[in-house]
């Protein structure tokens, strides 16, 4: 698959002035060495949004977001990673390169071309298929709606599409064709005698299809298989159409389960609907949705299966419900689905039901309350026990605080009592900036205090990496997190002009990357005049630990054999190089 070279990302971030980029969208004022403003991601009234020219990063203590210029565009402009890179490249007057020579065209562009050709093929065949047209009319789908969603028809033939496509291999890679024998290059059509619904990515490219049979096929709906382009757990039907239905921000997005639900709601003017693709709602779905709106309304059938699906969605939504984000749940009367219900009650009444949808907090506590007897002491204690694992998933913030208040009211206990039962360590009510000051963030899981401090200093002044001479010895220090520190030192030595932002982007979506972002968000005391000295002293102390460990090993060896002159030299150097005690 084609990829953007890391070297280009580093160069692009180096050319981008993050203050200028964000300043064109957010009102910023100078605050010491940084720029300060109101969070663009929440409705705060006191500024807690900072942009660091030195680190070329932003920190939003209101929403908990932080990152590089690329991250900001992804969050603020709701762009994908590739789209954000292309936008920054356009600003810088650069062309985005792709690695891999001609290979990416076979793996990526080829299947995309095949999918686009298939979509044209299916829409053309729809006009020639009276049964398919009649089916859509029977379901109430207008010609305008069918055109808007690109609905088509796959002929009842084993090779209609395979003969149409010029390259069989591209059709196989796209999931449109099935190879008869591995390596044979001969294939037959995957979709036959089906009304076809193209699935688009956020850029409007067709990446897969869903097909509804017109025969007595036991598989009523058939989706494209998983491919490098298409993943059911990461894509949603109708999201592109919903995003392009308005020029402003989407007030909410409604998550339904079927293709026809999305299509019919759109036809009735409710164009904010998206559909899962035969799978339960995933966190990847939620992350994708929250890039386009701040509120998600889950719409499920009112039967047992629908409520079970809603509960699974709630469990996935809890960790993603940060400040400024909302989730709500509405249920369709039994015997209906969104498709038929909107046709029965109309768009205005349907929107009223959306407005009445139960907030996540209400749905959670009401569902748990039904499982206990609040009239007994045991029942109220049981309610808190049931709520605990769900509250543990919810990020710290106002929603969690209010949920605990409501839980305390229902259990007829004081808030302090409930917090004690939940576990004080799990309440996490302090805002991000206070939490950072109270407990230093870790540069890596389990990193020691000297490592965290060395990372803080290095991220503030990356050129300090040049001063670290004995990397091999430092690696033997045996201190948790030293491997991450060494990797950061190696990175800045390899990229002398890089800043913290480039390291964050390189380590994106990794545990060490998240650790570095937390460390950068910490309000650590840093004095320009002493940064270099403190970093050198910290590295010396860490190196001394390695020498000390080696000397201890050699002294143990001396009990069994005579040490060499070089080994005796290591012990002597240990006594000469003993560092002063830390004042930290």
Protein backbone atom coordinates (compact mmCIF):
# COMPACT_ATOMS: atom_id res chain seq x y z
CA UNK A 1 0.00 0.00 0.00
CA UNK A 2 1.31 3.47 -0.87
CA UNK A 3 2.58 5.43 2.09
CA UNK A 4 3.87 8.93 2.74
CA UNK A 5 7.58 8.83 3.65
CA UNK A 6 8.43 9.71 7.27
CA UNK A 7 11.14 12.06 6.01
CA UNK A 8 8.50 14.11 4.19
CA UNK A 9 6.33 14.31 7.34
CA UNK A 10 9.34 15.59 9.33
CA UNK A 11 10.18 18.18 6.68
CA UNK A 12 6.55 19.26 6.39
CA UNK A 13 6.21 19.83 10.15
CA UNK A 14 9.52 21.72 10.15
CA UNK A 15 8.17 24.04 7.42
CA UNK A 16 4.83 24.59 9.19
CA UNK A 17 4.42 27.35 11.75
CA UNK A 18 1.82 25.87 14.09
CA UNK A 19 1.12 29.28 15.67
CA UNK A 20 0.24 30.72 12.27
CA UNK A 21 -1.85 27.66 11.35
CA UNK A 22 -3.90 27.61 14.54
CA UNK A 23 -3.96 31.40 14.81
CA UNK A 24 -5.90 31.54 11.53
CA UNK A 25 -8.67 29.53 13.23
CA UNK A 26 -8.39 30.39 16.94
CA UNK A 27 -7.87 33.79 18.60
CA UNK A 28 -4.48 33.48 20.35
CA UNK A 29 -2.70 35.85 22.72
CA UNK A 30 0.84 35.64 24.04
CA UNK A 31 1.29 34.12 27.50
CA UNK A 32 5.01 33.98 28.32
CA UNK A 33 6.80 31.72 25.84
CA UNK A 34 3.50 30.30 24.58
CA UNK A 35 0.29 31.44 22.92
CA UNK A 36 -3.02 31.08 24.77
CA UNK A 37 -6.69 31.02 23.80
CA UNK A 38 -10.10 29.45 24.33
CA UNK A 39 -10.43 25.79 23.45
CA UNK A 40 -11.80 25.29 19.92
CA UNK A 41 -13.05 21.85 20.99
CA UNK A 42 -15.17 22.78 24.02
CA UNK A 43 -17.34 25.72 25.09
CA UNK A 44 -15.07 26.87 27.90
CA UNK A 45 -15.10 30.47 29.13
CA UNK A 46 -11.59 30.59 30.63
CA UNK A 47 -8.68 29.99 28.22
CA UNK A 48 -6.84 26.70 28.74
CA UNK A 49 -5.65 26.14 25.16
CA UNK A 50 -1.91 26.63 24.61
CA UNK A 51 0.30 26.59 21.50
CA UNK A 52 4.04 26.16 21.95
CA UNK A 53 6.25 27.72 19.22
CA UNK A 54 9.26 25.93 20.74
CA UNK A 55 7.75 22.44 20.63
CA UNK A 56 5.50 23.20 17.61
CA UNK A 57 2.61 21.55 19.44
CA UNK A 58 -0.77 22.49 20.94
CA UNK A 59 -2.14 21.52 24.36
CA UNK A 60 -5.83 21.75 25.20
CA UNK A 61 -6.40 21.14 28.92
CA UNK A 62 -10.14 21.62 28.50
CA UNK A 63 -10.69 18.67 26.13
CA UNK A 64 -7.51 16.72 26.88
CA UNK A 65 -6.35 16.94 23.25
CA UNK A 66 -2.78 17.74 22.24
CA UNK A 67 -0.54 17.11 19.29
CA UNK A 68 1.11 18.52 16.17
CA UNK A 69 -0.14 20.65 13.29
CA UNK A 70 -1.34 17.44 11.62
CA UNK A 71 -3.26 16.38 14.74
CA UNK A 72 -4.89 19.82 14.98
CA UNK A 73 -6.18 19.71 11.40
CA UNK A 74 -7.49 16.19 11.94
CA UNK A 75 -9.43 17.32 15.03
CA UNK A 76 -10.48 20.85 14.00
CA UNK A 77 -11.11 20.41 10.28
CA UNK A 78 -12.24 16.77 10.68
CA UNK A 79 -9.70 15.46 8.21
CA UNK A 80 -8.06 12.08 7.89
CA UNK A 81 -4.30 11.81 8.41
CA UNK A 82 -3.63 11.81 4.66
CA UNK A 83 -6.02 14.74 4.10
CA UNK A 84 -4.30 16.75 6.86
CA UNK A 85 -0.87 16.08 5.37
CA UNK A 86 -2.14 17.09 1.92
CA UNK A 87 -3.60 20.32 3.35
CA UNK A 88 -0.31 21.27 5.04
CA UNK A 89 1.61 20.36 1.87
CA UNK A 90 -0.69 22.60 -0.15
CA UNK A 91 -0.02 25.49 2.25
CA UNK A 92 3.72 24.89 1.92
CA UNK A 93 3.58 24.58 -1.87
CA UNK A 94 4.75 20.96 -1.79
CA UNK A 95 3.58 17.80 -3.54
CA UNK A 96 2.99 14.79 -1.30
CA UNK A 97 5.25 11.91 -2.38
CA UNK A 98 4.33 8.23 -2.07
CA UNK A 99 6.81 5.43 -1.50
CA UNK A 100 6.82 2.13 -3.35
CA UNK A 101 7.29 2.90 -7.08
CA UNK A 102 4.65 1.18 -9.20
CA UNK A 103 3.67 -1.35 -6.54
CA UNK A 104 1.14 0.93 -4.78
CA UNK A 105 -0.87 1.23 -8.00
CA UNK A 106 -1.37 -2.52 -8.06
CA UNK A 107 -2.21 -2.76 -4.37
CA UNK A 108 -4.13 0.47 -3.82
CA UNK A 109 -5.00 2.42 -6.96
CA UNK A 110 -5.86 -0.71 -8.94
CA UNK A 111 -8.62 -1.86 -6.57
CA UNK A 112 -9.93 1.71 -6.31
CA UNK A 113 -10.15 1.91 -10.08
CA UNK A 114 -11.96 -1.44 -10.16
CA UNK A 115 -14.43 -0.33 -7.48
CA UNK A 116 -15.17 2.94 -9.28
CA UNK A 117 -15.70 1.04 -12.54
CA UNK A 118 -17.96 -1.47 -10.79
CA UNK A 119 -20.09 1.31 -9.35
CA UNK A 120 -20.64 2.75 -12.83
CA UNK A 121 -21.38 -0.74 -14.13
CA UNK A 122 -23.98 -1.43 -11.42
CA UNK A 123 -25.80 1.90 -11.82
CA UNK A 124 -26.02 1.38 -15.58
CA UNK A 125 -27.41 -2.14 -15.12
CA UNK A 126 -30.06 -0.85 -12.70
CA UNK A 127 -31.76 0.99 -15.55
CA UNK A 128 -31.91 -2.27 -17.48
CA UNK A 129 -33.44 -4.32 -14.65
CA UNK A 130 -37.19 -3.80 -14.12
CA UNK A 131 -37.26 -6.19 -11.08
CA UNK A 132 -34.57 -4.16 -9.30
CA UNK A 133 -36.30 -0.87 -10.11
CA UNK A 134 -39.60 -2.32 -8.93
CA UNK A 135 -38.02 -3.46 -5.65
CA UNK A 136 -36.73 0.05 -4.93
CA UNK A 137 -40.09 1.61 -5.79
CA UNK A 138 -41.81 -0.86 -3.50
CA UNK A 139 -39.48 0.16 -0.67
CA UNK A 140 -40.31 3.81 -1.38
CA UNK A 141 -36.94 4.86 -2.80
CA UNK A 142 -37.16 7.69 -5.33
CA UNK A 143 -34.98 7.99 -8.41
CA UNK A 144 -33.31 11.09 -6.97
CA UNK A 145 -32.38 9.24 -3.77
CA UNK A 146 -31.09 6.23 -5.70
CA UNK A 147 -28.90 8.56 -7.75
CA UNK A 148 -27.62 10.39 -4.67
CA UNK A 149 -26.45 7.16 -3.03
CA UNK A 150 -25.27 5.61 -6.30
CA UNK A 151 -27.54 2.57 -5.90
CA UNK A 152 -27.17 -0.02 -8.67
CA UNK A 153 -27.82 -3.62 -9.62
CA UNK A 154 -25.52 -6.66 -10.01
CA UNK A 155 -26.88 -8.87 -12.85
CA UNK A 156 -27.87 -12.47 -12.21
CA UNK A 157 -24.73 -13.74 -13.92
CA UNK A 158 -21.51 -15.47 -12.86
CA UNK A 159 -19.27 -13.32 -15.05
CA UNK A 160 -21.03 -10.07 -16.03
CA UNK A 161 -18.72 -7.88 -13.94
CA UNK A 162 -15.58 -9.98 -14.47
CA UNK A 163 -15.98 -9.55 -18.23
CA UNK A 164 -16.56 -5.81 -17.84
CA UNK A 165 -13.44 -5.19 -15.72
CA UNK A 166 -10.26 -4.94 -17.75
CA UNK A 167 -8.06 -6.26 -14.95
CA UNK A 168 -9.26 -9.37 -13.11
CA UNK A 169 -6.55 -9.10 -10.45
CA UNK A 170 -7.73 -5.63 -9.43
CA UNK A 171 -11.29 -6.94 -9.13
CA UNK A 172 -10.12 -9.81 -6.92
CA UNK A 173 -8.08 -7.47 -4.70
CA UNK A 174 -11.10 -5.17 -4.39
CA UNK A 175 -13.32 -8.06 -3.22
CA UNK A 176 -15.55 -7.79 -6.29
CA UNK A 177 -14.48 -11.09 -7.82
CA UNK A 178 -13.67 -14.50 -6.36
CA UNK A 179 -10.69 -16.37 -7.75
CA UNK A 180 -11.59 -19.86 -8.97
CA UNK A 181 -8.23 -21.35 -8.04
CA UNK A 182 -5.37 -19.64 -6.19
CA UNK A 183 -2.99 -18.08 -8.70
CA UNK A 184 -5.12 -18.97 -11.72
CA UNK A 185 -6.18 -15.40 -12.48
CA UNK A 186 -9.64 -16.69 -13.45
CA UNK A 187 -12.54 -15.42 -11.35
CA UNK A 188 -16.32 -15.12 -11.07
CA UNK A 189 -18.60 -12.38 -9.71
CA UNK A 190 -19.10 -12.17 -5.95
CA UNK A 191 -22.38 -10.20 -6.23
CA UNK A 192 -25.16 -11.64 -8.38
CA UNK A 193 -28.83 -10.59 -8.67
CA UNK A 194 -28.52 -8.00 -5.93
CA UNK A 195 -29.42 -4.34 -5.45
CA UNK A 196 -26.05 -2.73 -4.80
CA UNK A 197 -25.23 -0.01 -2.24
CA UNK A 198 -21.76 1.54 -2.72
CA UNK A 199 -19.84 2.22 0.50
CA UNK A 200 -17.66 5.33 0.35
CA UNK A 201 -14.81 6.55 2.52
CA UNK A 202 -14.71 10.10 3.89
CA UNK A 203 -13.18 11.32 0.62
CA UNK A 204 -16.08 9.94 -1.44
CA UNK A 205 -14.17 7.03 -2.96
CA UNK A 206 -16.02 3.71 -3.31
CA UNK A 207 -14.20 1.18 -1.10
CA UNK A 208 -16.80 -1.61 -0.96
CA UNK A 209 -20.39 -2.65 -1.57
CA UNK A 210 -23.39 -4.04 0.21
CA UNK A 211 -25.79 -6.11 -1.87
CA UNK A 212 -29.45 -6.95 -1.12
CA UNK A 213 -30.60 -10.15 -2.83
CA UNK A 214 -33.67 -10.19 -5.12
CA UNK A 215 -33.86 -13.98 -4.93
CA UNK A 216 -34.39 -16.46 -2.12
CA UNK A 217 -30.75 -16.36 -1.11
CA UNK A 218 -30.35 -17.25 2.59
CA UNK A 219 -27.87 -14.35 2.88
CA UNK A 220 -30.29 -11.44 2.44
CA UNK A 221 -27.46 -8.90 2.59
CA UNK A 222 -23.90 -9.53 1.45
CA UNK A 223 -21.01 -7.14 2.13
CA UNK A 224 -17.64 -6.86 0.47
CA UNK A 225 -14.99 -8.91 2.28
CA UNK A 226 -12.26 -7.28 4.35
CA UNK A 227 -9.61 -5.78 2.04
CA UNK A 228 -6.75 -3.28 2.47
CA UNK A 229 -9.33 -0.61 1.59
CA UNK A 230 -12.43 -1.84 3.40
CA UNK A 231 -12.91 -2.79 7.07
CA UNK A 232 -16.39 -3.24 8.49
CA UNK A 233 -15.22 -2.20 11.95
CA UNK A 234 -13.73 1.07 10.67
CA UNK A 235 -16.13 2.23 7.98
CA UNK A 236 -19.75 3.41 8.04
CA UNK A 237 -22.36 3.51 5.30
CA UNK A 238 -23.61 7.00 4.43
CA UNK A 239 -21.00 8.99 6.37
CA UNK A 240 -19.68 10.70 3.23
CA UNK A 241 -23.23 11.56 2.14
CA UNK A 242 -24.05 12.91 5.60
CA UNK A 243 -20.92 15.07 5.73
CA UNK A 244 -21.56 16.54 2.29
CA UNK A 245 -25.24 17.22 2.97
CA UNK A 246 -24.48 20.49 4.75
CA UNK A 247 -21.84 23.20 4.67
CA UNK A 248 -21.96 23.75 8.43
CA UNK A 249 -21.24 21.51 11.39
CA UNK A 250 -23.44 18.44 11.80
CA UNK A 251 -25.63 18.84 14.92
CA UNK A 252 -25.54 15.07 15.41
CA UNK A 253 -25.17 11.78 13.58
CA UNK A 254 -27.72 8.99 13.90
CA UNK A 255 -26.32 5.45 13.92
CA UNK A 256 -28.71 2.86 12.46
CA UNK A 257 -28.18 -0.73 11.35
CA UNK A 258 -29.35 -1.01 7.74
CA UNK A 259 -28.64 0.42 4.30
CA UNK A 260 -32.33 1.12 3.67
CA UNK A 261 -32.60 2.88 7.04
CA UNK A 262 -29.94 5.38 5.97
CA UNK A 263 -31.39 5.79 2.48
CA UNK A 264 -34.99 6.34 3.60
CA UNK A 265 -34.11 8.72 6.44
CA UNK A 266 -32.12 10.77 3.94
CA UNK A 267 -35.05 10.78 1.51
CA UNK A 268 -37.22 12.25 4.29
CA UNK A 269 -34.68 15.01 4.87
CA UNK A 270 -32.92 13.40 7.84
CA UNK A 271 -29.53 13.28 6.19
CA UNK A 272 -27.48 12.83 9.36
CA UNK A 273 -27.88 9.03 9.36
CA UNK A 274 -25.07 6.48 9.01
CA UNK A 275 -25.20 2.69 9.16
CA UNK A 276 -22.98 0.01 10.64
CA UNK A 277 -22.08 -2.69 8.15
CA UNK A 278 -23.43 -5.85 9.70
CA UNK A 279 -21.21 -5.50 12.76
CA UNK A 280 -21.53 -4.08 16.26
CA UNK A 281 -20.44 -0.49 16.88
CA UNK A 282 -16.69 -0.29 17.48
CA UNK A 283 -14.46 2.34 19.07
CA UNK A 284 -13.02 2.97 15.60
CA UNK A 285 -16.55 3.81 14.44
CA UNK A 286 -16.97 6.25 17.31
CA UNK A 287 -13.63 7.93 16.71
CA UNK A 288 -14.59 8.36 13.06
CA UNK A 289 -18.02 9.77 13.97
CA UNK A 290 -16.68 12.23 16.54
CA UNK A 291 -14.48 13.77 13.85
CA UNK A 292 -17.68 14.95 12.17
CA UNK A 293 -19.94 15.83 15.09
CA UNK A 294 -19.99 16.25 18.85
CA UNK A 295 -23.18 14.22 19.35
CA UNK A 296 -24.06 10.64 18.36
CA UNK A 297 -27.59 9.26 18.58
CA UNK A 298 -27.84 5.47 18.50
CA UNK A 299 -31.10 4.27 16.97
CA UNK A 300 -31.96 0.61 17.61
CA UNK A 301 -34.98 -1.67 17.50
CA UNK A 302 -36.91 -1.76 20.77
CA UNK A 303 -36.74 -5.57 21.13
CA UNK A 304 -34.29 -7.54 23.25
CA UNK A 305 -31.73 -7.80 20.43
CA UNK A 306 -31.88 -4.06 19.82
CA UNK A 307 -31.35 -3.24 23.48
CA UNK A 308 -28.46 -5.70 23.65
CA UNK A 309 -26.90 -3.94 20.64
CA UNK A 310 -27.44 -0.57 22.36
CA UNK A 311 -25.70 -1.82 25.49
CA UNK A 312 -22.69 -3.00 23.45
CA UNK A 313 -22.57 0.43 21.81
CA UNK A 314 -22.66 2.10 25.23
CA UNK A 315 -19.69 0.05 26.43
CA UNK A 316 -17.69 1.16 23.39
CA UNK A 317 -18.82 4.78 23.79
CA UNK A 318 -17.83 5.25 27.44
CA UNK A 319 -14.06 5.67 26.88
CA UNK A 320 -14.71 7.99 23.91
CA UNK A 321 -17.11 10.33 25.69
CA UNK A 322 -14.67 13.12 26.48
CA UNK A 323 -15.57 16.71 27.36
CA UNK A 324 -17.89 18.23 24.78
CA UNK A 325 -19.00 14.88 23.37
CA UNK A 326 -22.49 13.42 23.78
CA UNK A 327 -24.13 10.07 23.14
CA UNK A 328 -27.87 9.35 23.28
CA UNK A 329 -30.07 6.30 22.70
CA UNK A 330 -33.47 6.04 21.01
CA UNK A 331 -35.51 2.90 20.36
CA UNK A 332 -37.89 2.12 17.50
CA UNK A 333 -41.28 0.52 18.37
CA UNK A 334 -41.33 -3.26 17.88
CA UNK A 335 -42.38 -4.29 14.42
CA UNK A 336 -40.66 -1.27 12.88
CA UNK A 337 -37.21 -0.21 11.84
CA UNK A 338 -36.11 3.38 11.05
CA UNK A 339 -36.95 2.83 7.37
CA UNK A 340 -40.61 1.96 7.94
CA UNK A 341 -41.13 4.15 11.00
CA UNK A 342 -40.08 7.40 9.33
CA UNK A 343 -42.47 6.60 6.45
CA UNK A 344 -45.28 6.10 8.96
CA UNK A 345 -44.77 9.08 11.29
CA UNK A 346 -42.93 11.54 9.02
CA UNK A 347 -39.70 13.47 9.36
CA UNK A 348 -40.91 16.06 11.89
CA UNK A 349 -42.16 13.46 14.36
CA UNK A 350 -38.99 11.39 13.85
CA UNK A 351 -36.83 14.41 14.68
CA UNK A 352 -38.90 14.97 17.81
CA UNK A 353 -38.07 11.40 18.86
CA UNK A 354 -34.39 12.12 18.24
CA UNK A 355 -34.62 15.16 20.54
CA UNK A 356 -36.19 12.93 23.22
CA UNK A 357 -33.44 10.28 23.01
CA UNK A 358 -32.11 9.20 26.41
CA UNK A 359 -28.67 10.61 27.22
CA UNK A 360 -25.92 8.05 27.83
CA UNK A 361 -25.97 8.71 31.58
CA UNK A 362 -29.71 8.08 31.81
CA UNK A 363 -29.58 4.94 29.68
CA UNK A 364 -26.68 3.57 31.74
CA UNK A 365 -28.19 4.20 35.17
CA UNK A 366 -31.73 3.22 34.17
CA UNK A 367 -30.45 -0.09 32.75
CA UNK A 368 -28.46 -0.83 35.91
CA UNK A 369 -31.29 0.23 38.23
CA UNK A 370 -33.63 -2.30 36.60
CA UNK A 371 -31.29 -5.05 37.77
CA UNK A 372 -31.53 -4.25 41.49
CA UNK A 373 -34.05 -3.57 44.23
CA UNK A 374 -33.46 -0.01 45.41
CA UNK A 375 -35.80 -0.65 48.30
CA UNK A 376 -33.16 -2.76 50.04
CA UNK A 377 -29.72 -1.94 51.36
CA UNK A 378 -28.28 -4.84 49.41
CA UNK A 379 -29.87 -3.59 46.20
CA UNK A 380 -28.41 -0.11 46.55
CA UNK A 381 -24.96 -1.56 47.29
CA UNK A 382 -25.35 -3.82 44.27
CA UNK A 383 -26.13 -0.77 42.07
CA UNK A 384 -22.82 0.83 42.94
CA UNK A 385 -20.98 -2.44 42.30
CA UNK A 386 -22.65 -2.73 38.88
CA UNK A 387 -21.82 0.89 38.01
CA UNK A 388 -18.15 0.73 38.99
CA UNK A 389 -16.68 -0.99 35.87
CA UNK A 390 -18.58 1.42 33.61
CA UNK A 391 -17.49 4.52 35.52
CA UNK A 392 -13.90 3.26 35.38
CA UNK A 393 -14.11 3.45 31.55
CA UNK A 394 -15.43 7.01 31.55
CA UNK A 395 -12.76 9.75 31.27
CA UNK A 396 -12.44 12.23 34.11
CA UNK A 397 -14.56 15.32 33.65
CA UNK A 398 -17.93 16.92 34.28
CA UNK A 399 -19.98 13.97 32.96
CA UNK A 400 -18.28 11.51 35.28
CA UNK A 401 -18.69 13.85 38.23
CA UNK A 402 -22.40 14.33 37.53
CA UNK A 403 -22.89 10.60 37.00
CA UNK A 404 -21.43 9.92 40.44
CA UNK A 405 -23.76 12.56 41.91
CA UNK A 406 -26.78 10.85 40.32
CA UNK A 407 -25.57 7.41 41.38
CA UNK A 408 -25.24 8.68 44.95
CA UNK A 409 -28.79 10.07 44.81
CA UNK A 410 -30.24 6.77 43.61
CA UNK A 411 -28.28 4.77 46.18
CA UNK A 412 -29.29 7.27 48.93
CA UNK A 413 -25.67 7.85 49.93
CA UNK A 414 -23.38 10.84 50.16
CA UNK A 415 -21.09 11.56 47.24
CA UNK A 416 -17.98 10.95 49.39
CA UNK A 417 -19.31 7.54 50.38
CA UNK A 418 -19.89 6.56 46.76
CA UNK A 419 -16.45 7.78 45.72
CA UNK A 420 -14.95 5.75 48.54
CA UNK A 421 -16.78 2.64 47.35
CA UNK A 422 -15.72 3.24 43.76
CA UNK A 423 -12.12 3.74 44.81
CA UNK A 424 -10.50 7.13 45.26
CA UNK A 425 -7.84 6.29 42.71
CA UNK A 426 -10.50 5.75 40.07
CA UNK A 427 -12.45 8.98 40.51
CA UNK A 428 -9.93 11.13 38.67
CA UNK A 429 -11.92 14.34 38.99
CA UNK A 430 -8.98 16.74 38.75
CA UNK A 431 -8.72 18.67 35.50
CA UNK A 432 -5.86 17.67 33.19
CA UNK A 433 -3.56 20.53 34.13
CA UNK A 434 -3.90 19.87 37.88
CA UNK A 435 -3.51 16.15 37.40
CA UNK A 436 -0.33 16.72 35.44
CA UNK A 437 1.12 18.88 38.20
CA UNK A 438 0.15 16.38 40.89
CA UNK A 439 1.60 13.28 39.22
CA UNK A 440 4.30 13.43 36.54
CA UNK A 441 3.31 11.74 33.30
CA UNK A 442 5.38 8.77 32.25
CA UNK A 443 7.63 8.73 29.22
CA UNK A 444 6.97 5.01 28.98
CA UNK A 445 4.93 2.53 31.01
CA UNK A 446 6.81 2.14 34.30
CA UNK A 447 9.48 4.77 33.50
CA UNK A 448 11.55 5.97 36.47
CA UNK A 449 11.65 9.57 37.65
CA UNK A 450 15.16 10.32 36.24
CA UNK A 451 14.06 9.01 32.84
CA UNK A 452 10.94 11.18 32.84
CA UNK A 453 13.00 14.25 33.78
CA UNK A 454 15.62 13.53 31.12
CA UNK A 455 12.83 13.17 28.54
CA UNK A 456 11.26 16.47 29.62
CA UNK A 457 14.56 18.29 29.18
CA UNK A 458 15.33 16.59 25.87
CA UNK A 459 11.89 17.41 24.45
CA UNK A 460 12.33 21.03 25.46
CA UNK A 461 15.78 21.23 23.83
CA UNK A 462 16.29 18.34 21.35
CA UNK A 463 19.88 19.36 20.48
CA UNK A 464 20.91 18.03 23.91
CA UNK A 465 20.95 14.60 22.25
CA UNK A 466 24.33 15.51 20.75
CA UNK A 467 25.88 15.60 24.25
CA UNK A 468 25.12 11.96 25.08
CA UNK A 469 28.37 10.10 24.32
CA UNK A 470 28.11 6.65 25.88
CA UNK A 471 24.79 5.32 24.54
CA UNK A 472 25.85 1.68 24.96
CA UNK A 473 26.71 2.23 28.60
CA UNK A 474 23.50 4.17 29.21
CA UNK A 475 21.54 1.22 27.82
CA UNK A 476 22.96 -0.96 30.60
CA UNK A 477 21.60 1.29 33.36
CA UNK A 478 18.74 -1.15 33.94
CA UNK A 479 16.32 1.72 34.66
CA UNK A 480 12.68 1.34 33.53
CA UNK A 481 12.10 3.43 30.41
CA UNK A 482 15.76 3.91 29.47
CA UNK A 483 15.16 2.18 26.12
CA UNK A 484 12.58 4.85 25.22
CA UNK A 485 14.97 7.65 26.23
CA UNK A 486 17.73 6.14 24.06
CA UNK A 487 15.33 5.82 21.13
CA UNK A 488 14.43 9.51 21.50
CA UNK A 489 18.13 10.46 21.65
CA UNK A 490 18.82 8.42 18.50
CA UNK A 491 15.88 10.10 16.75
CA UNK A 492 17.08 13.64 17.48
CA UNK A 493 20.65 12.73 16.50
CA UNK A 494 19.33 11.39 13.19
CA UNK A 495 17.15 14.50 12.70
CA UNK A 496 19.21 17.44 14.05
CA UNK A 497 16.60 20.06 13.13
CA UNK A 498 13.61 18.15 14.52
CA UNK A 499 11.46 19.34 17.41
CA UNK A 500 9.20 17.50 19.81
CA UNK A 501 6.35 17.60 17.27
CA UNK A 502 8.25 15.41 14.80
CA UNK A 503 8.96 12.78 17.46
CA UNK A 504 5.31 12.73 18.50
CA UNK A 505 4.23 12.22 14.88
CA UNK A 506 6.79 9.45 14.37
CA UNK A 507 5.57 7.61 17.48
CA UNK A 508 1.92 8.27 16.68
CA UNK A 509 -0.55 5.62 17.97
CA UNK A 510 2.05 3.83 20.12
CA UNK A 511 2.30 3.52 23.91
CA UNK A 512 5.54 5.51 23.98
CA UNK A 513 3.97 8.17 21.75
CA UNK A 514 1.04 8.59 24.13
CA UNK A 515 3.50 8.74 27.02
CA UNK A 516 5.47 11.53 25.36
CA UNK A 517 2.27 13.49 24.69
CA UNK A 518 1.32 13.25 28.38
CA UNK A 519 4.82 14.32 29.34
CA UNK A 520 4.64 17.34 27.05
CA UNK A 521 1.28 18.32 28.51
CA UNK A 522 2.75 18.37 32.02
CA UNK A 523 3.47 21.82 33.41
CA UNK A 524 7.04 20.96 34.41
CA UNK A 525 9.39 23.56 35.93
CA UNK A 526 12.04 24.38 33.31
CA UNK A 527 14.65 27.13 33.62
CA UNK A 528 16.38 27.97 30.32
CA UNK A 529 19.73 28.69 31.97
CA UNK A 530 19.94 25.32 33.76
CA UNK A 531 18.38 22.92 31.22
CA UNK A 532 21.70 21.86 29.72
CA UNK A 533 23.40 21.36 33.09
CA UNK A 534 20.49 19.43 34.56
CA UNK A 535 20.27 17.17 31.50
CA UNK A 536 24.00 16.41 31.62
CA UNK A 537 23.85 15.65 35.35
CA UNK A 538 20.83 13.38 34.88
CA UNK A 539 22.50 11.43 32.06
CA UNK A 540 25.69 11.14 34.14
CA UNK A 541 23.75 9.70 37.07
CA UNK A 542 22.03 7.19 34.80
CA UNK A 543 25.37 6.22 33.23
CA UNK A 544 26.87 5.85 36.68
CA UNK A 545 24.19 3.30 37.53
CA UNK A 546 25.37 1.19 34.62
CA UNK A 547 29.00 1.47 35.80
CA UNK A 548 27.94 0.60 39.32
CA UNK A 549 26.09 -2.49 38.15
CA UNK A 550 29.10 -3.61 36.10
CA UNK A 551 31.49 -2.96 39.01
CA UNK A 552 29.30 -4.98 41.36
CA UNK A 553 29.36 -7.84 38.88
CA UNK A 554 33.15 -7.66 38.58
CA UNK A 555 33.64 -7.60 42.36
CA UNK A 556 31.54 -10.74 42.56
CA UNK A 557 33.70 -12.26 39.81
CA UNK A 558 36.88 -11.36 41.73
CA UNK A 559 35.87 -13.85 44.43
CA UNK A 560 36.38 -16.65 41.92
CA UNK A 561 39.13 -15.35 39.61
CA UNK A 562 41.70 -12.60 39.22
CA UNK A 563 40.42 -9.54 37.39
CA UNK A 564 42.13 -8.16 34.29
CA UNK A 565 43.73 -4.71 34.18
CA UNK A 566 40.79 -3.42 32.11
CA UNK A 567 38.26 -4.77 34.60
CA UNK A 568 40.14 -3.16 37.50
CA UNK A 569 40.06 0.08 35.50
CA UNK A 570 36.25 -0.04 35.40
CA UNK A 571 36.10 -0.26 39.19
CA UNK A 572 38.61 2.59 39.58
CA UNK A 573 36.66 4.76 37.12
CA UNK A 574 33.52 4.16 39.16
CA UNK A 575 35.11 5.77 42.22
CA UNK A 576 36.48 8.68 40.17
CA UNK A 577 33.21 9.41 38.38
CA UNK A 578 30.78 9.11 41.29
CA UNK A 579 28.27 11.92 40.60
CA UNK A 580 27.08 14.40 43.19
CA UNK A 581 23.83 13.58 44.95
CA UNK A 582 20.77 14.87 43.14
CA UNK A 583 19.11 17.93 44.60
CA UNK A 584 15.79 16.92 43.06
